[in-house]
Amino acid sequence: MDVLQMCRPFHIPMSVPYLLRHARKHAFNGGRSACIAGLAHTASNSELHSLQHARKRQGQRRDKAHFRMAAANSTGETSGKVFFFDIDNCLYPKSTGIYREMGRKIHAYFKRLGFPDEEATELHHRYYRTYGLALRGLVKHHDVDPMAYDREVDQALPLEQFLKPDPELRTMLETMQGVKKWAFTNAYEVHAGRVLKALGIEDQFAGLTFCDYATPNFPCKPEEVYYEQVMQAAGVTDPSKCYLVDDAAANIDMAKKLGWTAVHVADDVSAEPKHGDFQISHIHELQEVLPEFWPDGNVN
């Protein structure tokens, strides 16, 4: 991709090669965005300065979600319904080991900041409970560079050791009908894209909404504003047409508060209190609780 594309907010096809996607820089002007696909080192110093300045100005804006669009394999997207899919610990189970490895890397990051073991563990969990992401607490209270954190934690995960293509998941997504599929994550886009590619489903979503760690005060689930942003990005205004599958109870609770239909991928489906409209133990069970989205289901 070697052209500038003006868009609001920016859209980048999910089929663009990973290197170009990751090298992209954003520039905002009057609510419009200049989406530049190319290698960062090709920009002049003055251009980079302008981009950095624009990023700082845009940092205070929280009315637009960061997402990229794609032509997804889907059938019958005529109902106006949108199904939002969380990614980590949702499209793959915690048992893969990524959850544990991520926890180790986050803990190690806290320790590199000078915190002893016990305090690092306490802060990690407190920030996750309070802000939805440990990173949000690190940025807010410890002036951590979120992009450096992402490189040292999320991007350092050897995903190829934990994930492989999931043909059953791919078939489930391919055969969904009457709904737009949209990936909705608290991760940065690099990690999100790596996971979707590793699972072999990167072409199955009409778009991806991610946390832009480069933006100061970026929103994330379960903040209401982030749900409003993803609805706008996906082009849906009626909450009753929104569906979410997610492993985090707090994210499910917010979806329900907003009037969405929510499916909780729970560690224990029998545990109380229950969250959401349905509880499943694995993403493969989604068809069992919402069969109307598959050809053999009972379409309402």
C-alpha atoms as a PDB file:
ATOM      1  CA  MET A   1       0.000   0.000   0.000  1.00  0.00           C
ATOM      2  CA  ASP A   2       1.738   3.176  -1.146  1.00  0.00           C
ATOM      3  CA  VAL A   3      -0.932   5.849  -1.071  1.00  0.00           C
ATOM      4  CA  LEU A   4      -2.448   8.178   1.492  1.00  0.00           C
ATOM      5  CA  GLN A   5      -6.037   7.516   2.375  1.00  0.00           C
ATOM      6  CA  MET A   6      -8.180  10.061   4.204  1.00  0.00           C
ATOM      7  CA  CYS A   7     -10.670   8.421   6.509  1.00  0.00           C
ATOM      8  CA  ARG A   8     -12.717   8.994   9.655  1.00  0.00           C
ATOM      9  CA  PRO A   9     -11.627   7.210  11.746  1.00  0.00           C
ATOM     10  CA  PHE A  10      -8.828   5.377   9.953  1.00  0.00           C
ATOM     11  CA  HIS A  11      -9.390   2.095   8.157  1.00  0.00           C
ATOM     12  CA  ILE A  12      -6.668  -0.283   7.021  1.00  0.00           C
ATOM     13  CA  PRO A  13      -7.452  -3.550   5.220  1.00  0.00           C
ATOM     14  CA  MET A  14      -6.644  -6.538   7.419  1.00  0.00           C
ATOM     15  CA  SER A  15      -4.931  -8.184   4.454  1.00  0.00           C
ATOM     16  CA  VAL A  16      -2.112  -5.597   4.353  1.00  0.00           C
ATOM     17  CA  PRO A  17       1.204  -7.302   5.244  1.00  0.00           C
ATOM     18  CA  TYR A  18       2.122  -7.221   8.902  1.00  0.00           C
ATOM     19  CA  LEU A  19       5.283  -5.142   8.403  1.00  0.00           C
ATOM     20  CA  LEU A  20       3.457  -2.332   6.667  1.00  0.00           C
ATOM     21  CA  ARG A  21       0.583  -2.434   9.131  1.00  0.00           C
ATOM     22  CA  HIS A  22       2.940  -2.113  12.100  1.00  0.00           C
ATOM     23  CA  ALA A  23       5.010   0.641  10.463  1.00  0.00           C
ATOM     24  CA  ARG A  24       1.920   2.816   9.885  1.00  0.00           C
ATOM     25  CA  LYS A  25       1.860   6.302  11.382  1.00  0.00           C
ATOM     26  CA  HIS A  26      -1.234   8.389  12.051  1.00  0.00           C
ATOM     27  CA  ALA A  27      -1.787  12.101  11.646  1.00  0.00           C
ATOM     28  CA  PHE A  28      -5.020  13.797  12.713  1.00  0.00           C
ATOM     29  CA  ASN A  29      -6.266  17.164  11.499  1.00  0.00           C
ATOM     30  CA  GLY A  30      -9.690  18.606  12.272  1.00  0.00           C
ATOM     31  CA  GLY A  31     -11.130  15.211  13.133  1.00  0.00           C
ATOM     32  CA  ARG A  32      -9.847  13.645   9.891  1.00  0.00           C
ATOM     33  CA  SER A  33      -7.047  11.104   9.823  1.00  0.00           C
ATOM     34  CA  ALA A  34      -4.269  10.666   7.300  1.00  0.00           C
ATOM     35  CA  CYS A  35      -3.518   6.961   7.158  1.00  0.00           C
ATOM     36  CA  ILE A  36       0.005   6.339   5.993  1.00  0.00           C
ATOM     37  CA  ALA A  37       1.034   2.806   5.048  1.00  0.00           C
ATOM     38  CA  GLY A  38       4.787   2.525   4.628  1.00  0.00           C
ATOM     39  CA  LEU A  39       8.054   2.124   6.457  1.00  0.00           C
ATOM     40  CA  ALA A  40       8.596   4.641   9.207  1.00  0.00           C
ATOM     41  CA  HIS A  41      12.188   5.374   8.229  1.00  0.00           C
ATOM     42  CA  THR A  42      11.090   6.813   4.880  1.00  0.00           C
ATOM     43  CA  ALA A  43       9.594   9.885   6.585  1.00  0.00           C
ATOM     44  CA  SER A  44      11.674  13.029   6.917  1.00  0.00           C
ATOM     45  CA  ASN A  45      12.510  14.486  10.331  1.00  0.00           C
ATOM     46  CA  SER A  46      10.039  17.325   9.795  1.00  0.00           C
ATOM     47  CA  GLU A  47       7.301  14.871   8.851  1.00  0.00           C
ATOM     48  CA  LEU A  48       7.982  12.772  11.922  1.00  0.00           C
ATOM     49  CA  HIS A  49       7.877  15.891  14.086  1.00  0.00           C
ATOM     50  CA  SER A  50       4.527  16.857  12.596  1.00  0.00           C
ATOM     51  CA  LEU A  51       3.148  13.360  13.178  1.00  0.00           C
ATOM     52  CA  GLN A  52       4.337  13.350  16.780  1.00  0.00           C
ATOM     53  CA  HIS A  53       2.809  16.755  17.389  1.00  0.00           C
ATOM     54  CA  ALA A  54      -0.470  15.656  15.830  1.00  0.00           C
ATOM     55  CA  ARG A  55      -0.459  12.542  18.011  1.00  0.00           C
ATOM     56  CA  LYS A  56      -0.108  14.672  21.133  1.00  0.00           C
ATOM     57  CA  ARG A  57      -3.029  16.865  20.072  1.00  0.00           C
ATOM     58  CA  GLN A  58      -5.135  13.828  19.298  1.00  0.00           C
ATOM     59  CA  GLY A  59      -4.263  12.260  22.637  1.00  0.00           C
ATOM     60  CA  GLN A  60      -6.966  14.201  24.428  1.00  0.00           C
ATOM     61  CA  ARG A  61      -9.654  12.998  21.991  1.00  0.00           C
ATOM     62  CA  ARG A  62     -11.553   9.905  23.085  1.00  0.00           C
ATOM     63  CA  ASP A  63     -14.544  10.131  20.784  1.00  0.00           C
ATOM     64  CA  LYS A  64     -13.145   7.851  18.077  1.00  0.00           C
ATOM     65  CA  ALA A  65     -12.098   4.229  18.246  1.00  0.00           C
ATOM     66  CA  HIS A  66      -8.936   2.956  16.589  1.00  0.00           C
ATOM     67  CA  PHE A  67      -9.779   0.186  14.204  1.00  0.00           C
ATOM     68  CA  ARG A  68      -9.058  -1.274  10.830  1.00  0.00           C
ATOM     69  CA  MET A  69     -11.470  -2.660   8.302  1.00  0.00           C
ATOM     70  CA  ALA A  70     -11.402  -5.724   6.102  1.00  0.00           C
ATOM     71  CA  ALA A  71     -13.528  -7.606   3.659  1.00  0.00           C
ATOM     72  CA  ALA A  72     -14.511 -10.562   5.816  1.00  0.00           C
ATOM     73  CA  ASN A  73     -15.850 -13.903   4.671  1.00  0.00           C
ATOM     74  CA  SER A  74     -19.445 -13.688   5.826  1.00  0.00           C
ATOM     75  CA  THR A  75     -22.907 -14.550   4.610  1.00  0.00           C
ATOM     76  CA  GLY A  76     -26.154 -12.671   4.808  1.00  0.00           C
ATOM     77  CA  GLU A  77     -24.969  -9.534   6.609  1.00  0.00           C
ATOM     78  CA  THR A  78     -28.365  -7.892   6.194  1.00  0.00           C
ATOM     79  CA  SER A  79     -29.880  -7.789   9.683  1.00  0.00           C
ATOM     80  CA  GLY A  80     -27.811  -4.912  11.045  1.00  0.00           C
ATOM     81  CA  LYS A  81     -26.617  -7.139  13.875  1.00  0.00           C
ATOM     82  CA  VAL A  82     -22.973  -7.094  14.948  1.00  0.00           C
ATOM     83  CA  PHE A  83     -21.209  -9.811  16.908  1.00  0.00           C
ATOM     84  CA  PHE A  84     -18.196  -8.524  18.834  1.00  0.00           C
ATOM     85  CA  PHE A  85     -15.497 -11.060  19.687  1.00  0.00           C
ATOM     86  CA  ASP A  86     -12.946 -10.559  22.427  1.00  0.00           C
ATOM     87  CA  ILE A  87      -9.605 -12.136  21.488  1.00  0.00           C
ATOM     88  CA  ASP A  88      -7.303 -13.202  24.331  1.00  0.00           C
ATOM     89  CA  ASN A  89      -8.538 -16.069  26.521  1.00  0.00           C
ATOM     90  CA  CYS A  90     -11.732 -16.040  24.495  1.00  0.00           C
ATOM     91  CA  LEU A  91     -10.925 -17.175  20.946  1.00  0.00           C
ATOM     92  CA  TYR A  92      -8.455 -19.584  22.532  1.00  0.00           C
ATOM     93  CA  PRO A  93      -8.643 -21.150  26.023  1.00  0.00           C
ATOM     94  CA  LYS A  94      -6.518 -20.116  28.990  1.00  0.00           C
ATOM     95  CA  SER A  95      -5.126 -23.642  29.003  1.00  0.00           C
ATOM     96  CA  THR A  96      -2.938 -22.784  26.004  1.00  0.00           C
ATOM     97  CA  GLY A  97      -0.466 -21.204  28.446  1.00  0.00           C
ATOM     98  CA  ILE A  98      -0.522 -17.679  27.005  1.00  0.00           C
ATOM     99  CA  TYR A  99      -2.389 -16.348  30.047  1.00  0.00           C
ATOM    100  CA  ARG A 100       0.266 -17.729  32.386  1.00  0.00           C
ATOM    101  CA  GLU A 101       3.169 -16.524  30.234  1.00  0.00           C
ATOM    102  CA  MET A 102       1.629 -13.064  29.915  1.00  0.00           C
ATOM    103  CA  GLY A 103       1.295 -12.900  33.698  1.00  0.00           C
ATOM    104  CA  ARG A 104       4.970 -13.779  34.094  1.00  0.00           C
ATOM    105  CA  LYS A 105       6.063 -11.092  31.682  1.00  0.00           C
ATOM    106  CA  ILE A 106       3.880  -8.444  33.341  1.00  0.00           C
ATOM    107  CA  HIS A 107       5.231  -9.427  36.753  1.00  0.00           C
ATOM    108  CA  ALA A 108       8.797  -9.204  35.446  1.00  0.00           C
ATOM    109  CA  TYR A 109       8.041  -5.744  34.055  1.00  0.00           C
ATOM    110  CA  PHE A 110       6.826  -4.547  37.466  1.00  0.00           C
ATOM    111  CA  LYS A 111       9.990  -5.943  39.035  1.00  0.00           C
ATOM    112  CA  ARG A 112      12.166  -4.092  36.528  1.00  0.00           C
ATOM    113  CA  LEU A 113      10.496  -0.928  37.770  1.00  0.00           C
ATOM    114  CA  GLY A 114      11.892  -1.712  41.214  1.00  0.00           C
ATOM    115  CA  PHE A 115       8.922  -3.345  42.928  1.00  0.00           C
ATOM    116  CA  PRO A 116       9.570  -6.407  45.115  1.00  0.00           C
ATOM    117  CA  ASP A 117       7.697  -9.625  44.323  1.00  0.00           C
ATOM    118  CA  GLU A 118       4.764  -9.180  46.682  1.00  0.00           C
ATOM    119  CA  GLU A 119       4.113  -5.558  45.750  1.00  0.00           C
ATOM    120  CA  ALA A 120       4.491  -6.323  42.041  1.00  0.00           C
ATOM    121  CA  THR A 121       1.817  -9.014  42.307  1.00  0.00           C
ATOM    122  CA  GLU A 122      -0.520  -6.792  44.326  1.00  0.00           C
ATOM    123  CA  LEU A 123      -0.200  -3.837  41.941  1.00  0.00           C
ATOM    124  CA  HIS A 124      -0.589  -6.025  38.871  1.00  0.00           C
ATOM    125  CA  HIS A 125      -3.934  -7.387  40.071  1.00  0.00           C
ATOM    126  CA  ARG A 126      -5.146  -4.127  41.553  1.00  0.00           C
ATOM    127  CA  TYR A 127      -4.514  -2.203  38.335  1.00  0.00           C
ATOM    128  CA  TYR A 128      -6.233  -4.905  36.291  1.00  0.00           C
ATOM    129  CA  ARG A 129      -9.316  -4.795  38.539  1.00  0.00           C
ATOM    130  CA  THR A 130      -9.391  -1.001  38.642  1.00  0.00           C
ATOM    131  CA  TYR A 131      -8.564  -0.075  35.063  1.00  0.00           C
ATOM    132  CA  GLY A 132      -9.256  -3.178  32.977  1.00  0.00           C
ATOM    133  CA  LEU A 133      -5.561  -3.368  32.072  1.00  0.00           C
ATOM    134  CA  ALA A 134      -2.465  -3.447  34.267  1.00  0.00           C
ATOM    135  CA  LEU A 135      -0.880  -1.142  31.689  1.00  0.00           C
ATOM    136  CA  ARG A 136      -3.431   1.577  32.378  1.00  0.00           C
ATOM    137  CA  GLY A 137      -2.307   1.696  36.021  1.00  0.00           C
ATOM    138  CA  LEU A 138       1.356   1.714  35.019  1.00  0.00           C
ATOM    139  CA  VAL A 139       0.807   4.645  32.680  1.00  0.00           C
ATOM    140  CA  LYS A 140      -1.338   6.563  35.159  1.00  0.00           C
ATOM    141  CA  HIS A 141       0.779   6.107  38.280  1.00  0.00           C
ATOM    142  CA  HIS A 142       4.293   5.321  37.059  1.00  0.00           C
ATOM    143  CA  ASP A 143       4.671   7.242  33.789  1.00  0.00           C
ATOM    144  CA  VAL A 144       5.435   4.062  31.854  1.00  0.00           C
ATOM    145  CA  ASP A 145       5.831   4.293  28.070  1.00  0.00           C
ATOM    146  CA  PRO A 146       2.986   2.046  26.852  1.00  0.00           C
ATOM    147  CA  MET A 147       4.662   1.312  23.524  1.00  0.00           C
ATOM    148  CA  ALA A 148       7.837   0.155  25.274  1.00  0.00           C
ATOM    149  CA  TYR A 149       5.682  -1.981  27.567  1.00  0.00           C
ATOM    150  CA  ASP A 150       3.944  -3.514  24.568  1.00  0.00           C
ATOM    151  CA  ARG A 151       7.261  -4.408  22.945  1.00  0.00           C
ATOM    152  CA  GLU A 152       8.582  -5.999  26.143  1.00  0.00           C
ATOM    153  CA  VAL A 153       5.401  -7.824  27.146  1.00  0.00           C
ATOM    154  CA  ASP A 154       2.772  -8.504  24.461  1.00  0.00           C
ATOM    155  CA  GLN A 155       5.044  -8.511  21.427  1.00  0.00           C
ATOM    156  CA  ALA A 156       7.632 -10.611  23.266  1.00  0.00           C
ATOM    157  CA  LEU A 157       5.194 -13.497  23.695  1.00  0.00           C
ATOM    158  CA  PRO A 158       6.240 -16.515  21.585  1.00  0.00           C
ATOM    159  CA  LEU A 159       2.704 -17.068  20.319  1.00  0.00           C
ATOM    160  CA  GLU A 160       3.820 -19.696  17.832  1.00  0.00           C
ATOM    161  CA  GLN A 161       4.695 -21.931  20.785  1.00  0.00           C
ATOM    162  CA  PHE A 162       1.173 -21.711  22.207  1.00  0.00           C
ATOM    163  CA  LEU A 163      -1.218 -21.285  19.294  1.00  0.00           C
ATOM    164  CA  LYS A 164      -1.928 -23.123  16.075  1.00  0.00           C
ATOM    165  CA  PRO A 165      -4.691 -22.792  13.480  1.00  0.00           C
ATOM    166  CA  ASP A 166      -8.095 -23.815  14.824  1.00  0.00           C
ATOM    167  CA  PRO A 167     -10.101 -25.333  11.941  1.00  0.00           C
ATOM    168  CA  GLU A 168     -13.216 -25.782  14.080  1.00  0.00           C
ATOM    169  CA  LEU A 169     -13.201 -22.129  15.098  1.00  0.00           C
ATOM    170  CA  ARG A 170     -12.613 -21.046  11.520  1.00  0.00           C
ATOM    171  CA  THR A 171     -15.523 -23.132  10.255  1.00  0.00           C
ATOM    172  CA  MET A 172     -17.760 -21.743  12.997  1.00  0.00           C
ATOM    173  CA  LEU A 173     -16.915 -18.180  11.978  1.00  0.00           C
ATOM    174  CA  GLU A 174     -17.136 -18.860   8.241  1.00  0.00           C
ATOM    175  CA  THR A 175     -20.636 -20.300   8.523  1.00  0.00           C
ATOM    176  CA  MET A 176     -22.145 -17.565  10.682  1.00  0.00           C
ATOM    177  CA  GLN A 177     -25.036 -15.848   8.930  1.00  0.00           C
ATOM    178  CA  GLY A 178     -27.055 -12.671   9.329  1.00  0.00           C
ATOM    179  CA  VAL A 179     -24.470 -10.824  11.387  1.00  0.00           C
ATOM    180  CA  LYS A 180     -21.309  -8.766  10.988  1.00  0.00           C
ATOM    181  CA  LYS A 181     -18.314 -10.135  12.895  1.00  0.00           C
ATOM    182  CA  TRP A 182     -16.008  -7.681  14.640  1.00  0.00           C
ATOM    183  CA  ALA A 183     -12.915  -8.268  16.813  1.00  0.00           C
ATOM    184  CA  PHE A 184     -12.941  -6.116  19.981  1.00  0.00           C
ATOM    185  CA  THR A 185      -9.870  -6.227  22.194  1.00  0.00           C
ATOM    186  CA  ASN A 186      -7.975  -4.452  24.956  1.00  0.00           C
ATOM    187  CA  ALA A 187      -4.707  -5.418  23.277  1.00  0.00           C
ATOM    188  CA  TYR A 188      -2.716  -3.253  20.887  1.00  0.00           C
ATOM    189  CA  GLU A 189      -3.226  -4.073  17.210  1.00  0.00           C
ATOM    190  CA  VAL A 190       0.128  -5.837  16.744  1.00  0.00           C
ATOM    191  CA  HIS A 191      -0.645  -8.492  19.365  1.00  0.00           C
ATOM    192  CA  ALA A 192      -4.260  -8.794  18.229  1.00  0.00           C
ATOM    193  CA  GLY A 193      -3.192  -9.346  14.642  1.00  0.00           C
ATOM    194  CA  ARG A 194      -0.592 -11.932  15.648  1.00  0.00           C
ATOM    195  CA  VAL A 195      -3.175 -13.945  17.593  1.00  0.00           C
ATOM    196  CA  LEU A 196      -5.768 -13.881  14.816  1.00  0.00           C
ATOM    197  CA  LYS A 197      -3.138 -14.935  12.285  1.00  0.00           C
ATOM    198  CA  ALA A 198      -1.842 -17.741  14.513  1.00  0.00           C
ATOM    199  CA  LEU A 199      -5.385 -19.099  14.861  1.00  0.00           C
ATOM    200  CA  GLY A 200      -5.881 -18.900  11.094  1.00  0.00           C
ATOM    201  CA  ILE A 201      -8.877 -16.549  11.312  1.00  0.00           C
ATOM    202  CA  GLU A 202      -7.409 -13.135  10.471  1.00  0.00           C
ATOM    203  CA  ASP A 203      -9.728 -12.832   7.444  1.00  0.00           C
ATOM    204  CA  GLN A 204     -12.927 -13.636   9.334  1.00  0.00           C
ATOM    205  CA  PHE A 205     -13.727 -10.212  10.777  1.00  0.00           C
ATOM    206  CA  ALA A 206     -15.158  -7.109   9.162  1.00  0.00           C
ATOM    207  CA  GLY A 207     -12.970  -5.025  11.455  1.00  0.00           C
ATOM    208  CA  LEU A 208     -10.792  -4.888  14.533  1.00  0.00           C
ATOM    209  CA  THR A 209     -11.086  -2.329  17.332  1.00  0.00           C
ATOM    210  CA  PHE A 210      -8.019  -2.194  19.541  1.00  0.00           C
ATOM    211  CA  CYS A 211      -6.533  -0.072  22.320  1.00  0.00           C
ATOM    212  CA  ASP A 212      -4.180   2.456  20.785  1.00  0.00           C
ATOM    213  CA  TYR A 213      -1.436   2.414  23.394  1.00  0.00           C
ATOM    214  CA  ALA A 214       0.257   5.367  21.677  1.00  0.00           C
ATOM    215  CA  THR A 215      -2.684   7.606  22.564  1.00  0.00           C
ATOM    216  CA  PRO A 216      -2.659   9.167  26.054  1.00  0.00           C
ATOM    217  CA  ASN A 217      -5.640   8.154  28.191  1.00  0.00           C
ATOM    218  CA  PHE A 218      -6.708   5.480  25.717  1.00  0.00           C
ATOM    219  CA  PRO A 219     -10.010   3.824  26.685  1.00  0.00           C
ATOM    220  CA  CYS A 220     -10.438   0.090  27.160  1.00  0.00           C
ATOM    221  CA  LYS A 221     -13.055  -2.425  28.265  1.00  0.00           C
ATOM    222  CA  PRO A 222     -15.024  -2.249  30.511  1.00  0.00           C
ATOM    223  CA  GLU A 223     -15.233   1.551  30.094  1.00  0.00           C
ATOM    224  CA  GLU A 224     -18.554   2.568  28.578  1.00  0.00           C
ATOM    225  CA  VAL A 225     -16.926   4.996  26.133  1.00  0.00           C
ATOM    226  CA  TYR A 226     -15.005   2.135  24.521  1.00  0.00           C
ATOM    227  CA  TYR A 227     -18.249   0.258  23.819  1.00  0.00           C
ATOM    228  CA  GLU A 228     -19.726   3.423  22.325  1.00  0.00           C
ATOM    229  CA  GLN A 229     -16.653   3.757  20.124  1.00  0.00           C
ATOM    230  CA  VAL A 230     -16.782   0.196  18.840  1.00  0.00           C
ATOM    231  CA  MET A 231     -20.481   0.550  18.030  1.00  0.00           C
ATOM    232  CA  GLN A 232     -19.699   3.637  15.983  1.00  0.00           C
ATOM    233  CA  ALA A 233     -16.781   1.906  14.279  1.00  0.00           C
ATOM    234  CA  ALA A 234     -18.929  -1.116  13.379  1.00  0.00           C
ATOM    235  CA  GLY A 235     -21.773   1.071  12.162  1.00  0.00           C
ATOM    236  CA  VAL A 236     -24.444  -0.013  14.642  1.00  0.00           C
ATOM    237  CA  THR A 237     -26.578   2.320  16.773  1.00  0.00           C
ATOM    238  CA  ASP A 238     -29.115  -0.060  18.322  1.00  0.00           C
ATOM    239  CA  PRO A 239     -27.708  -1.857  21.407  1.00  0.00           C
ATOM    240  CA  SER A 240     -30.238  -4.649  20.948  1.00  0.00           C
ATOM    241  CA  LYS A 241     -28.421  -5.585  17.743  1.00  0.00           C
ATOM    242  CA  CYS A 242     -25.068  -5.938  19.529  1.00  0.00           C
ATOM    243  CA  TYR A 243     -23.654  -9.252  20.765  1.00  0.00           C
ATOM    244  CA  LEU A 244     -20.463  -9.841  22.749  1.00  0.00           C
ATOM    245  CA  VAL A 245     -18.515 -12.940  23.681  1.00  0.00           C
ATOM    246  CA  ASP A 246     -15.779 -12.263  26.257  1.00  0.00           C
ATOM    247  CA  ASP A 247     -14.000 -14.052  29.089  1.00  0.00           C
ATOM    248  CA  ALA A 248     -13.921 -11.081  31.498  1.00  0.00           C
ATOM    249  CA  ALA A 249     -16.970 -10.791  33.764  1.00  0.00           C
ATOM    250  CA  ALA A 250     -16.604  -7.007  34.053  1.00  0.00           C
ATOM    251  CA  ASN A 251     -16.693  -6.649  30.268  1.00  0.00           C
ATOM    252  CA  ILE A 252     -19.780  -8.842  30.067  1.00  0.00           C
ATOM    253  CA  ASP A 253     -21.485  -6.824  32.819  1.00  0.00           C
ATOM    254  CA  MET A 254     -20.925  -3.553  30.946  1.00  0.00           C
ATOM    255  CA  ALA A 255     -22.309  -5.047  27.744  1.00  0.00           C
ATOM    256  CA  LYS A 256     -25.443  -6.107  29.601  1.00  0.00           C
ATOM    257  CA  LYS A 257     -25.760  -2.670  31.187  1.00  0.00           C
ATOM    258  CA  LEU A 258     -25.762  -1.145  27.701  1.00  0.00           C
ATOM    259  CA  GLY A 259     -28.419  -3.530  26.412  1.00  0.00           C
ATOM    260  CA  TRP A 260     -26.220  -5.942  24.462  1.00  0.00           C
ATOM    261  CA  THR A 261     -26.651  -9.710  24.398  1.00  0.00           C
ATOM    262  CA  ALA A 262     -23.599 -11.138  26.165  1.00  0.00           C
ATOM    263  CA  VAL A 263     -21.965 -14.565  26.267  1.00  0.00           C
ATOM    264  CA  HIS A 264     -19.451 -15.205  29.044  1.00  0.00           C
ATOM    265  CA  VAL A 265     -16.609 -17.641  28.392  1.00  0.00           C
ATOM    266  CA  ALA A 266     -16.359 -18.656  32.035  1.00  0.00           C
ATOM    267  CA  ASP A 267     -13.795 -20.660  33.957  1.00  0.00           C
ATOM    268  CA  ASP A 268     -16.709 -22.352  35.730  1.00  0.00           C
ATOM    269  CA  VAL A 269     -20.109 -22.111  34.032  1.00  0.00           C
ATOM    270  CA  SER A 270     -21.863 -23.267  37.207  1.00  0.00           C
ATOM    271  CA  ALA A 271     -20.326 -20.560  39.407  1.00  0.00           C
ATOM    272  CA  GLU A 272     -22.501 -17.861  40.943  1.00  0.00           C
ATOM    273  CA  PRO A 273     -23.179 -15.088  40.298  1.00  0.00           C
ATOM    274  CA  LYS A 274     -23.561 -15.693  36.612  1.00  0.00           C
ATOM    275  CA  HIS A 275     -22.627 -12.996  34.116  1.00  0.00           C
ATOM    276  CA  GLY A 276     -24.315 -12.312  30.812  1.00  0.00           C
ATOM    277  CA  ASP A 277     -27.193 -14.023  29.053  1.00  0.00           C
ATOM    278  CA  PHE A 278     -25.275 -17.239  28.433  1.00  0.00           C
ATOM    279  CA  GLN A 279     -22.243 -18.967  29.906  1.00  0.00           C
ATOM    280  CA  ILE A 280     -19.962 -21.283  27.932  1.00  0.00           C
ATOM    281  CA  SER A 281     -16.665 -22.941  28.769  1.00  0.00           C
ATOM    282  CA  HIS A 282     -15.143 -22.741  25.262  1.00  0.00           C
ATOM    283  CA  ILE A 283     -15.679 -20.563  22.198  1.00  0.00           C
ATOM    284  CA  HIS A 284     -16.626 -23.667  20.200  1.00  0.00           C
ATOM    285  CA  GLU A 285     -19.849 -23.822  22.262  1.00  0.00           C
ATOM    286  CA  LEU A 286     -21.107 -20.483  20.952  1.00  0.00           C
ATOM    287  CA  GLN A 287     -23.318 -22.202  18.372  1.00  0.00           C
ATOM    288  CA  GLU A 288     -25.107 -24.075  21.155  1.00  0.00           C
ATOM    289  CA  VAL A 289     -26.362 -20.942  22.909  1.00  0.00           C
ATOM    290  CA  LEU A 290     -27.038 -18.783  19.830  1.00  0.00           C
ATOM    291  CA  PRO A 291     -27.925 -21.279  17.057  1.00  0.00           C
ATOM    292  CA  GLU A 292     -29.830 -18.650  15.054  1.00  0.00           C
ATOM    293  CA  PHE A 293     -26.551 -17.394  13.585  1.00  0.00           C
ATOM    294  CA  TRP A 294     -25.790 -20.683  11.807  1.00  0.00           C
ATOM    295  CA  PRO A 295     -27.542 -22.219   8.773  1.00  0.00           C
ATOM    296  CA  ASP A 296     -28.920 -25.162  10.747  1.00  0.00           C
ATOM    297  CA  GLY A 297     -30.173 -22.934  13.580  1.00  0.00           C
ATOM    298  CA  ASN A 298     -33.645 -21.545  14.102  1.00  0.00           C
ATOM    299  CA  VAL A 299     -33.484 -18.118  12.482  1.00  0.00           C
ATOM    300  CA  ASN A 300     -35.751 -15.662  14.285  1.00  0.00           C
END
